[in-house]
Amino acid sequence: MTTKLMDSLGMPYENTYYGNSEQTNSIELDSHNEVKRTWSEKKVEKLKAKYNITSLPFIKIIDDETEEELEFWSGFRPEKIKKWNSEI
């Protein structure tokens, strides 16, 4: 739902883990591929520990010029997406 809303608003984003845009690395906890599923579970644990999140998706707003982290949240938060889209 998050990416669908962002797409409908024309909002730019990267679907990455910790900004690594060099590879497709989305978290897939329900993957049929055991390697991908295990990798995803480990990444979720790291996110939980670092950001104290309880749900996915995990969204970070980063300033492209300074790479400063401006805000982060987890879960589907349409009000935050719309707020940041209006500020871009």
Protein backbone atom coordinates (compact mmCIF):
# COMPACT_ATOMS: atom_id res chain seq x y z
CA MET A 1 0.00 0.00 0.00
CA THR A 2 2.88 2.35 0.78
CA THR A 3 4.56 2.06 -2.60
CA LYS A 4 1.19 2.22 -4.40
CA LEU A 5 0.39 5.51 -2.66
CA MET A 6 3.86 6.89 -3.35
CA ASP A 7 3.58 5.85 -7.01
CA SER A 8 0.14 7.46 -7.34
CA LEU A 9 1.55 10.72 -5.94
CA GLY A 10 4.61 10.56 -8.19
CA MET A 11 6.80 10.58 -5.09
CA PRO A 12 10.40 9.44 -5.63
CA TYR A 13 11.70 6.59 -3.48
CA GLU A 14 14.18 3.75 -3.43
CA ASN A 15 13.00 0.33 -2.33
CA THR A 16 16.21 -0.65 -0.57
CA TYR A 17 17.61 -1.77 2.74
CA TYR A 18 19.70 0.99 4.31
CA GLY A 19 19.91 2.87 1.03
CA ASN A 20 21.86 0.24 -0.87
CA SER A 21 20.57 1.03 -4.34
CA GLU A 22 23.20 -1.17 -5.98
CA GLN A 23 21.11 -4.26 -5.50
CA THR A 24 17.50 -5.29 -5.15
CA ASN A 25 17.25 -6.12 -1.50
CA SER A 26 13.65 -5.76 -0.41
CA ILE A 27 12.58 -7.70 2.65
CA GLU A 28 10.40 -10.71 1.82
CA LEU A 29 9.47 -12.64 4.95
CA ASP A 30 7.10 -14.88 3.03
CA SER A 31 9.55 -15.76 0.24
CA HIS A 32 9.55 -19.37 -0.93
CA ASN A 33 13.32 -19.04 -1.31
CA GLU A 34 14.83 -20.08 2.03
CA VAL A 35 17.97 -17.96 1.54
CA LYS A 36 15.92 -14.83 0.81
CA ARG A 37 13.56 -15.54 3.71
CA THR A 38 16.46 -16.06 6.16
CA TRP A 39 18.20 -12.90 4.90
CA SER A 40 14.94 -10.98 5.34
CA GLU A 41 14.42 -12.25 8.89
CA LYS A 42 17.93 -11.10 9.86
CA LYS A 43 17.37 -7.66 8.34
CA VAL A 44 14.09 -7.25 10.21
CA GLU A 45 15.85 -8.08 13.48
CA LYS A 46 18.50 -5.43 12.74
CA LEU A 47 15.83 -2.84 11.96
CA LYS A 48 13.94 -3.69 15.15
CA ALA A 49 17.09 -3.29 17.22
CA LYS A 50 18.27 -0.04 15.62
CA TYR A 51 14.96 1.80 15.17
CA ASN A 52 12.69 0.05 17.68
CA ILE A 53 10.10 -0.70 14.99
CA THR A 54 7.22 -3.12 15.32
CA SER A 55 5.91 -3.33 11.75
CA LEU A 56 6.84 -3.03 8.09
CA PRO A 57 7.33 -1.26 5.80
CA PHE A 58 10.08 0.83 7.31
CA ILE A 59 10.35 4.29 5.76
CA LYS A 60 13.24 6.74 6.13
CA ILE A 61 13.15 10.24 4.71
CA ILE A 62 16.68 11.26 3.71
CA ASP A 63 17.89 14.63 2.42
CA ASP A 64 19.49 13.84 -0.97
CA GLU A 65 22.06 16.61 -0.65
CA THR A 66 23.22 16.16 2.94
CA GLU A 67 22.18 12.51 3.42
CA GLU A 68 20.69 13.63 6.76
CA GLU A 69 17.95 11.39 8.13
CA LEU A 70 14.93 13.70 8.46
CA GLU A 71 12.32 11.27 9.77
CA PHE A 72 11.53 7.58 9.96
CA TRP A 73 8.49 5.46 10.74
CA SER A 74 7.12 1.98 10.28
CA GLY A 75 3.82 0.75 8.97
CA PHE A 76 1.46 2.25 6.42
CA ARG A 77 1.22 5.96 7.30
CA PRO A 78 -0.54 7.77 4.45
CA GLU A 79 -0.66 11.08 6.34
CA LYS A 80 3.15 11.12 6.65
CA ILE A 81 3.63 10.16 3.01
CA LYS A 82 1.32 12.97 1.89
CA LYS A 83 3.04 15.45 4.23
CA TRP A 84 6.48 14.66 2.86
CA ASN A 85 5.24 14.57 -0.71
CA SER A 86 3.96 18.14 -0.32
CA GLU A 87 7.37 19.24 1.01
CA ILE A 88 9.41 17.77 -1.83
